[in-house]
Amino acid sequence: MGPGIMELLLAIPLYVVAVTTMALGVALGIRWGLKWMLKDISRDPEIEECLKRIFKQSEK
């Protein structure tokens, strides 16, 4: 026989918790990845000079 009603009632909250945990993990991973990427980009002097030129042109 298949799962009973109690197994189904217990499975629903477990699935909700699992999906929420996975979504939180993905969101934090993206956030940390972007943060580290921006830190690495900000240390590159060539990109820094390029951004300075772009912002100086936009102020005119």
PDB file of N, CA and C in Angstrom:
ATOM      1  N   MET A   1       0.837  -1.181   0.000  1.00  0.00           N
ATOM      2  CA  MET A   1       0.000   0.000   0.000  1.00  0.00           C
ATOM      3  C   MET A   1       0.885   1.249   0.000  1.00  0.00           C
ATOM      4  N   GLY A   2       0.287   2.327  -0.379  1.00  0.00           N
ATOM      5  CA  GLY A   2       0.987   3.599  -0.445  1.00  0.00           C
ATOM      6  C   GLY A   2       1.099   4.250   0.920  1.00  0.00           C
ATOM      7  N   PRO A   3       1.622   5.437   0.942  1.00  0.00           N
ATOM      8  CA  PRO A   3       1.762   6.143   2.220  1.00  0.00           C
ATOM      9  C   PRO A   3       0.396   6.498   2.803  1.00  0.00           C
ATOM     10  N   GLY A   4       0.336   6.481   4.116  1.00  0.00           N
ATOM     11  CA  GLY A   4      -0.900   6.828   4.802  1.00  0.00           C
ATOM     12  C   GLY A   4      -1.053   8.328   4.935  1.00  0.00           C
ATOM     13  N   ILE A   5      -2.158   8.741   5.501  1.00  0.00           N
ATOM     14  CA  ILE A   5      -2.461  10.164   5.649  1.00  0.00           C
ATOM     15  C   ILE A   5      -1.471  10.840   6.604  1.00  0.00           C
ATOM     16  N   MET A   6      -1.020  10.108   7.646  1.00  0.00           N
ATOM     17  CA  MET A   6      -0.069  10.711   8.591  1.00  0.00           C
ATOM     18  C   MET A   6       1.286  10.967   7.927  1.00  0.00           C
ATOM     19  N   GLU A   7       1.710  10.037   7.076  1.00  0.00           N
ATOM     20  CA  GLU A   7       2.979  10.246   6.376  1.00  0.00           C
ATOM     21  C   GLU A   7       2.898  11.457   5.461  1.00  0.00           C
ATOM     22  N   LEU A   8       1.775  11.612   4.786  1.00  0.00           N
ATOM     23  CA  LEU A   8       1.599  12.766   3.908  1.00  0.00           C
ATOM     24  C   LEU A   8       1.561  14.073   4.690  1.00  0.00           C
ATOM     25  N   LEU A   9       0.870  14.051   5.844  1.00  0.00           N
ATOM     26  CA  LEU A   9       0.801  15.259   6.667  1.00  0.00           C
ATOM     27  C   LEU A   9       2.163  15.633   7.236  1.00  0.00           C
ATOM     28  N   LEU A  10       3.003  14.646   7.511  1.00  0.00           N
ATOM     29  CA  LEU A  10       4.343  14.936   8.006  1.00  0.00           C
ATOM     30  C   LEU A  10       5.281  15.341   6.874  1.00  0.00           C
ATOM     31  N   ALA A  11       5.044  14.860   5.680  1.00  0.00           N
ATOM     32  CA  ALA A  11       5.933  15.147   4.549  1.00  0.00           C
ATOM     33  C   ALA A  11       5.785  16.590   4.070  1.00  0.00           C
ATOM     34  N   ILE A  12       4.604  17.148   4.120  1.00  0.00           N
ATOM     35  CA  ILE A  12       4.377  18.499   3.604  1.00  0.00           C
ATOM     36  C   ILE A  12       5.240  19.532   4.331  1.00  0.00           C
ATOM     37  N   PRO A  13       5.237  19.588   5.667  1.00  0.00           N
ATOM     38  CA  PRO A  13       6.117  20.563   6.335  1.00  0.00           C
ATOM     39  C   PRO A  13       7.598  20.293   6.082  1.00  0.00           C
ATOM     40  N   LEU A  14       7.977  19.024   5.961  1.00  0.00           N
ATOM     41  CA  LEU A  14       9.380  18.717   5.680  1.00  0.00           C
ATOM     42  C   LEU A  14       9.782  19.231   4.311  1.00  0.00           C
ATOM     43  N   TYR A  15       8.913  19.091   3.330  1.00  0.00           N
ATOM     44  CA  TYR A  15       9.203  19.623   1.999  1.00  0.00           C
ATOM     45  C   TYR A  15       9.308  21.140   2.029  1.00  0.00           C
ATOM     46  N   VAL A  16       8.436  21.796   2.769  1.00  0.00           N
ATOM     47  CA  VAL A  16       8.464  23.258   2.868  1.00  0.00           C
ATOM     48  C   VAL A  16       9.776  23.709   3.505  1.00  0.00           C
ATOM     49  N   VAL A  17      10.194  23.045   4.565  1.00  0.00           N
ATOM     50  CA  VAL A  17      11.446  23.387   5.233  1.00  0.00           C
ATOM     51  C   VAL A  17      12.632  23.140   4.293  1.00  0.00           C
ATOM     52  N   ALA A  18      12.607  22.040   3.565  1.00  0.00           N
ATOM     53  CA  ALA A  18      13.710  21.725   2.654  1.00  0.00           C
ATOM     54  C   ALA A  18      13.814  22.760   1.533  1.00  0.00           C
ATOM     55  N   VAL A  19      12.695  23.134   0.940  1.00  0.00           N
ATOM     56  CA  VAL A  19      12.709  24.112  -0.149  1.00  0.00           C
ATOM     57  C   VAL A  19      13.155  25.478   0.366  1.00  0.00           C
ATOM     58  N   THR A  20      12.680  25.863   1.533  1.00  0.00           N
ATOM     59  CA  THR A  20      13.078  27.145   2.128  1.00  0.00           C
ATOM     60  C   THR A  20      14.573  27.162   2.426  1.00  0.00           C
ATOM     61  N   THR A  21      15.093  26.069   2.967  1.00  0.00           N
ATOM     62  CA  THR A  21      16.515  25.985   3.271  1.00  0.00           C
ATOM     63  C   THR A  21      17.347  26.058   1.994  1.00  0.00           C
ATOM     64  N   MET A  22      16.929  25.364   0.951  1.00  0.00           N
ATOM     65  CA  MET A  22      17.667  25.411  -0.310  1.00  0.00           C
ATOM     66  C   MET A  22      17.632  26.814  -0.918  1.00  0.00           C
ATOM     67  N   ALA A  23      16.479  27.472  -0.876  1.00  0.00           N
ATOM     68  CA  ALA A  23      16.374  28.819  -1.430  1.00  0.00           C
ATOM     69  C   ALA A  23      17.263  29.792  -0.658  1.00  0.00           C
ATOM     70  N   LEU A  24      17.296  29.657   0.652  1.00  0.00           N
ATOM     71  CA  LEU A  24      18.152  30.502   1.480  1.00  0.00           C
ATOM     72  C   LEU A  24      19.627  30.248   1.169  1.00  0.00           C
ATOM     73  N   GLY A  25      19.986  28.996   0.997  1.00  0.00           N
ATOM     74  CA  GLY A  25      21.366  28.662   0.662  1.00  0.00           C
ATOM     75  C   GLY A  25      21.787  29.237  -0.679  1.00  0.00           C
ATOM     76  N   VAL A  26      20.918  29.144  -1.659  1.00  0.00           N
ATOM     77  CA  VAL A  26      21.220  29.709  -2.981  1.00  0.00           C
ATOM     78  C   VAL A  26      21.346  31.229  -2.892  1.00  0.00           C
ATOM     79  N   ALA A  27      20.434  31.866  -2.180  1.00  0.00           N
ATOM     80  CA  ALA A  27      20.472  33.327  -2.048  1.00  0.00           C
ATOM     81  C   ALA A  27      21.758  33.786  -1.355  1.00  0.00           C
ATOM     82  N   LEU A  28      22.130  33.095  -0.280  1.00  0.00           N
ATOM     83  CA  LEU A  28      23.361  33.478   0.421  1.00  0.00           C
ATOM     84  C   LEU A  28      24.589  33.208  -0.445  1.00  0.00           C
ATOM     85  N   GLY A  29      24.570  32.127  -1.192  1.00  0.00           N
ATOM     86  CA  GLY A  29      25.684  31.831  -2.088  1.00  0.00           C
ATOM     87  C   GLY A  29      25.857  32.890  -3.155  1.00  0.00           C
ATOM     88  N   ILE A  30      24.759  33.332  -3.723  1.00  0.00           N
ATOM     89  CA  ILE A  30      24.820  34.390  -4.736  1.00  0.00           C
ATOM     90  C   ILE A  30      25.328  35.685  -4.109  1.00  0.00           C
ATOM     91  N   ARG A  31      24.826  36.004  -2.923  1.00  0.00           N
ATOM     92  CA  ARG A  31      25.238  37.242  -2.252  1.00  0.00           C
ATOM     93  C   ARG A  31      26.737  37.231  -1.950  1.00  0.00           C
ATOM     94  N   TRP A  32      27.217  36.135  -1.366  1.00  0.00           N
ATOM     95  CA  TRP A  32      28.635  36.055  -1.033  1.00  0.00           C
ATOM     96  C   TRP A  32      29.488  36.049  -2.292  1.00  0.00           C
ATOM     97  N   GLY A  33      29.033  35.358  -3.330  1.00  0.00           N
ATOM     98  CA  GLY A  33      29.786  35.323  -4.576  1.00  0.00           C
ATOM     99  C   GLY A  33      29.914  36.698  -5.199  1.00  0.00           C
ATOM    100  N   LEU A  34      28.824  37.450  -5.223  1.00  0.00           N
ATOM    101  CA  LEU A  34      28.870  38.811  -5.769  1.00  0.00           C
ATOM    102  C   LEU A  34      29.763  39.717  -4.926  1.00  0.00           C
ATOM    103  N   LYS A  35      29.701  39.537  -3.626  1.00  0.00           N
ATOM    104  CA  LYS A  35      30.528  40.357  -2.727  1.00  0.00           C
ATOM    105  C   LYS A  35      32.009  40.097  -2.988  1.00  0.00           C
ATOM    106  N   TRP A  36      32.400  38.820  -3.083  1.00  0.00           N
ATOM    107  CA  TRP A  36      33.804  38.492  -3.342  1.00  0.00           C
ATOM    108  C   TRP A  36      34.220  38.953  -4.730  1.00  0.00           C
ATOM    109  N   MET A  37      33.322  38.829  -5.700  1.00  0.00           N
ATOM    110  CA  MET A  37      33.648  39.260  -7.052  1.00  0.00           C
ATOM    111  C   MET A  37      33.883  40.771  -7.093  1.00  0.00           C
ATOM    112  N   LEU A  38      33.033  41.542  -6.432  1.00  0.00           N
ATOM    113  CA  LEU A  38      33.208  42.995  -6.409  1.00  0.00           C
ATOM    114  C   LEU A  38      34.488  43.391  -5.685  1.00  0.00           C
ATOM    115  N   LYS A  39      34.849  42.663  -4.639  1.00  0.00           N
ATOM    116  CA  LYS A  39      36.111  42.958  -3.945  1.00  0.00           C
ATOM    117  C   LYS A  39      37.294  42.715  -4.875  1.00  0.00           C
ATOM    118  N   ASP A  40      37.258  41.620  -5.633  1.00  0.00           N
ATOM    119  CA  ASP A  40      38.351  41.333  -6.565  1.00  0.00           C
ATOM    120  C   ASP A  40      38.416  42.367  -7.675  1.00  0.00           C
ATOM    121  N   ILE A  41      37.263  42.775  -8.183  1.00  0.00           N
ATOM    122  CA  ILE A  41      37.226  43.777  -9.251  1.00  0.00           C
ATOM    123  C   ILE A  41      37.762  45.107  -8.740  1.00  0.00           C
ATOM    124  N   SER A  42      37.413  45.460  -7.519  1.00  0.00           N
ATOM    125  CA  SER A  42      37.830  46.764  -6.989  1.00  0.00           C
ATOM    126  C   SER A  42      39.340  46.840  -6.781  1.00  0.00           C
ATOM    127  N   ARG A  43      40.026  45.724  -6.728  1.00  0.00           N
ATOM    128  CA  ARG A  43      41.477  45.727  -6.546  1.00  0.00           C
ATOM    129  C   ARG A  43      42.229  45.834  -7.869  1.00  0.00           C
ATOM    130  N   ASP A  44      41.520  45.759  -8.989  1.00  0.00           N
ATOM    131  CA  ASP A  44      42.162  45.790 -10.308  1.00  0.00           C
ATOM    132  C   ASP A  44      42.366  47.247 -10.727  1.00  0.00           C
ATOM    133  N   PRO A  45      43.619  47.716 -10.838  1.00  0.00           N
ATOM    134  CA  PRO A  45      43.876  49.123 -11.162  1.00  0.00           C
ATOM    135  C   PRO A  45      43.394  49.502 -12.567  1.00  0.00           C
ATOM    136  N   GLU A  46      43.418  48.573 -13.502  1.00  0.00           N
ATOM    137  CA  GLU A  46      42.974  48.885 -14.867  1.00  0.00           C
ATOM    138  C   GLU A  46      41.475  49.181 -14.899  1.00  0.00           C
ATOM    139  N   ILE A  47      40.709  48.384 -14.197  1.00  0.00           N
ATOM    140  CA  ILE A  47      39.261  48.627 -14.130  1.00  0.00           C
ATOM    141  C   ILE A  47      38.977  49.911 -13.365  1.00  0.00           C
ATOM    142  N   GLU A  48      39.753  50.175 -12.332  1.00  0.00           N
ATOM    143  CA  GLU A  48      39.572  51.406 -11.548  1.00  0.00           C
ATOM    144  C   GLU A  48      39.776  52.642 -12.419  1.00  0.00           C
ATOM    145  N   GLU A  49      40.819  52.633 -13.245  1.00  0.00           N
ATOM    146  CA  GLU A  49      41.074  53.768 -14.139  1.00  0.00           C
ATOM    147  C   GLU A  49      39.944  53.915 -15.163  1.00  0.00           C
ATOM    148  N   CYS A  50      39.466  52.803 -15.678  1.00  0.00           N
ATOM    149  CA  CYS A  50      38.369  52.836 -16.649  1.00  0.00           C
ATOM    150  C   CYS A  50      37.107  53.432 -16.012  1.00  0.00           C
ATOM    151  N   LEU A  51      36.798  53.030 -14.791  1.00  0.00           N
ATOM    152  CA  LEU A  51      35.620  53.565 -14.108  1.00  0.00           C
ATOM    153  C   LEU A  51      35.776  55.057 -13.817  1.00  0.00           C
ATOM    154  N   LYS A  52      36.983  55.490 -13.470  1.00  0.00           N
ATOM    155  CA  LYS A  52      37.209  56.913 -13.229  1.00  0.00           C
ATOM    156  C   LYS A  52      36.938  57.718 -14.493  1.00  0.00           C
ATOM    157  N   ARG A  53      37.419  57.212 -15.636  1.00  0.00           N
ATOM    158  CA  ARG A  53      37.167  57.913 -16.904  1.00  0.00           C
ATOM    159  C   ARG A  53      35.673  57.967 -17.222  1.00  0.00           C
ATOM    160  N   ILE A  54      34.984  56.879 -16.990  1.00  0.00           N
ATOM    161  CA  ILE A  54      33.542  56.837 -17.278  1.00  0.00           C
ATOM    162  C   ILE A  54      32.798  57.838 -16.411  1.00  0.00           C
ATOM    163  N   PHE A  55      33.119  57.884 -15.114  1.00  0.00           N
ATOM    164  CA  PHE A  55      32.404  58.778 -14.224  1.00  0.00           C
ATOM    165  C   PHE A  55      32.767  60.241 -14.470  1.00  0.00           C
ATOM    166  N   LYS A  56      33.980  60.511 -14.880  1.00  0.00           N
ATOM    167  CA  LYS A  56      34.365  61.895 -15.214  1.00  0.00           C
ATOM    168  C   LYS A  56      33.601  62.376 -16.442  1.00  0.00           C
ATOM    169  N   GLN A  57      33.393  61.493 -17.411  1.00  0.00           N
ATOM    170  CA  GLN A  57      32.641  61.869 -18.611  1.00  0.00           C
ATOM    171  C   GLN A  57      31.184  62.115 -18.285  1.00  0.00           C
ATOM    172  N   SER A  58      30.618  61.349 -17.360  1.00  0.00           N
ATOM    173  CA  SER A  58      29.207  61.513 -17.046  1.00  0.00           C
ATOM    174  C   SER A  58      28.938  62.775 -16.243  1.00  0.00           C
ATOM    175  N   GLU A  59      29.954  63.349 -15.586  1.00  0.00           N
ATOM    176  CA  GLU A  59      29.771  64.577 -14.802  1.00  0.00           C
ATOM    177  C   GLU A  59      29.705  65.813 -15.696  1.00  0.00           C
ATOM    178  N   LYS A  60      30.214  65.714 -16.918  1.00  0.00           N
ATOM    179  CA  LYS A  60      30.244  66.880 -17.800  1.00  0.00           C
ATOM    180  C   LYS A  60      28.879  67.226 -18.316  1.00  0.00           C
TER     181      LYS A  60
END
